[in-house]
Amino acid sequence: MTAVLSQIPYSVLKPGGDAATALYIVAFSLFIIGVKRGTHPRTAKHGNMIAALGMAIAVLTTLLLDGIGNWGLIALGLGIGTAIGVIASIRVQMTEMPQMVALYNGVGGGAVALIAWSEIRHGISLGETISLEVLIPTLFAAVVGSVSFWGSNIAFAKLQDLIPTKPLAVPGQQVINALLVGAILAGCVDIVVNNGSPSQAVFIGVLIAAALLGNLVVLPIGGADMPVVISLLNAFTGLSAAAAGFALDNVVLIVAGTLVGSSGTILTMEMATAMNRSVANVLFAGFGGAPAAGAGGATEQRPYVSISAQDAAIKLAYADSVVIVPGYGLAVAQAQHAIKEVANELEKRGISVSYAIHPVAGRMPGHMNVLLAEADVPYEQLKEMDEINPEMPRTDVAVVIGANDVTNPAAKNDPDSPIAGMPIIEVDQAQQVIVIKRSMSPGFAGIDNDLFYEPNTSMLFDDAKKAAADIAAEIQQL
C-alpha cells in the first residue's frame, strides 16, 4: 500500500500560490461562519458541520501542496485519528464531555509542540541559520503547546477522577514555577544565540521544563475552577497553533489559531468575571483547598427541613411559576431527562417552567446548556443569570438540582466568605426553594451553603435522577 501511495502525484499546488491561498481563504471563512453559527443551539450543529467542511478543505489543500510526501504515514495517521474520533463520539456520554474537551484540547497543544520540534530538528539537520521570524514563533509554539498539552492532561485526570479534584500543591510551588519559567527563557535565548547550530538537547530541555510547568500550574487548581482552566488552556492551544502558522507560513493555521486563541481568551475573562475573580486568582489562589465549613461535624450543626418526593410534588403542582437551577450534580446523576419529565408534568397543569443557567455551572463552559439540549429542553426556557435573577422574587418554587456554590447566599451576605462577591443565582429570593442533593456536603468551594438553612428552603436527599423521576410520578397522581 505504501508503494502505491508513494506513486500518487503530490505537486498539485504551489505553497503560497494563488490556488492554495484561495482554498485556505475558503477554509478559514467556513471556520468563521461555523463559529458564528455555533453561538446558538438551533444553529450549532449546522455550524459545526460548516467548520468541519472548512477543516476538510484546509487538510486536503495542505496534502496537495508541492513537497508533501510520506503518504503511507499520512494515511495511517488519518486512519487512526478518524477511528479514535468516531469511537469517542459514539461512546462518550454527554456528562463526560468536559473530559473529552480537555483531552482533545491537549492533543491539539501536543501536536503543535511536535510540529515545532520537527521544525527545529529540520533546521539542525540542514545546519542552516533559521530566520528569527520563523525561530521565535516556533519556540513560542513549542513552549505554549507543551504547557497546554500537559496542563490539559491534568485537567482531564481531575475531571475523570483519576486524581483528586482538590488543589494539589507541592512545597515551594510558586518558587518552582518561577525557576521553570526562568529555565525555559534561558533555553530559548540559548537556542536563538546559537542559531545555526542550536543544541537539540537544550530544546528538549525546554520542552521538559514546559511540561513540568503545565503540570504544576494545573495541579493546585480545584475542580470548581475547571471551566475557567479548560477555557484558558484552549486559548493557549489556539495561540500556539497561530504561532506555528507564522513559522510555517500557513495562513489557515494562523487564522484558525487566532480564532481559537481570541475566543478562548474572551470566554476565560467572562467566566472569571462571573466568579468575581481574576484569572491570576484562579491560577494561583488554590481555591477550594480550605477545609469545608460544617463538614465532618467540625462546626455547629444548623437546623434544616427535610422533605420527601411527595412533599416536593405537592409544592410544585400548586405553584404558578417554577425555576429549575441545574448544576454539576445533574450531570453526574444524568438526570436531565428526568427533570425534563418533571417540567412536562408541570406544563400540563399550565405552570410556567424555566431553567436558570449560571455561567460556571458544571465543569466546562456551556455544560448545562449542552445537557439540557440533549433532553430537548426548549432554548427559550433557558435563562441566563442576569435575566432570571429579577424574576426570582415572583417565583413560587425554585428547584436546585445538583448546584451548590452558584446558589450560596454567602456570596452576597458574608464579606469574609471565600466566594464573597461572586454573582449567584438568587434562588433564596423565591417564595419556596427545593434543593435536591445526596447530602449536606459542601460544593467545590469547600464551604457550607447558607441556602440549605434558609426558612423557605426544603432539602430532598436522594440521587437527582431518582428524585426527579419520583417527583414526576407523584405529580401524575395528584
Foldseek 3Di string as FASTA:
>chain_A
DQVVQQPDDQQQDEVVDPVLVVLLVCLVVLVVQLVVLCVDPVRNVVSVVSNVVSVVSNVVSVSSHPPDGPVVVVVVVVVVVVVVVVVCVVPPDLLLVLLVLLQVLLVLLVVLLVLLLVVVVVLQVVLAFDDPLQLVLSLLLNLLSLLLNLLSVVLSCCSVVVDPQAADADPPLVVLLVVLVVLLVVLSVQCNVPGSNGDSVSSVVNSVSSNVNSNSQNRLAGQLCQQLSSLQSQLSSLSSQLSNCSNVVNVSSVSRSVVRNVVSVVLSQVVCVLLVHDPVCRRPVSFLNDAAPPPPNPDDDADFAADELLVVLVLLQPWQEEEEEEASLCSVLLQLLLLVLVVVLNVVSVHHYAYEYRQSGHRHGCSVVSSNVVNVDDPVRYDYQVRCQVCQLVHAEYEYEHDAPQAACCLDVPCPDPSPVNHHRPNVNHQAYEYEEQDQAHDSSSYGGCSRNDPRYYYYHDRRNVSSNSNSVSNVVD
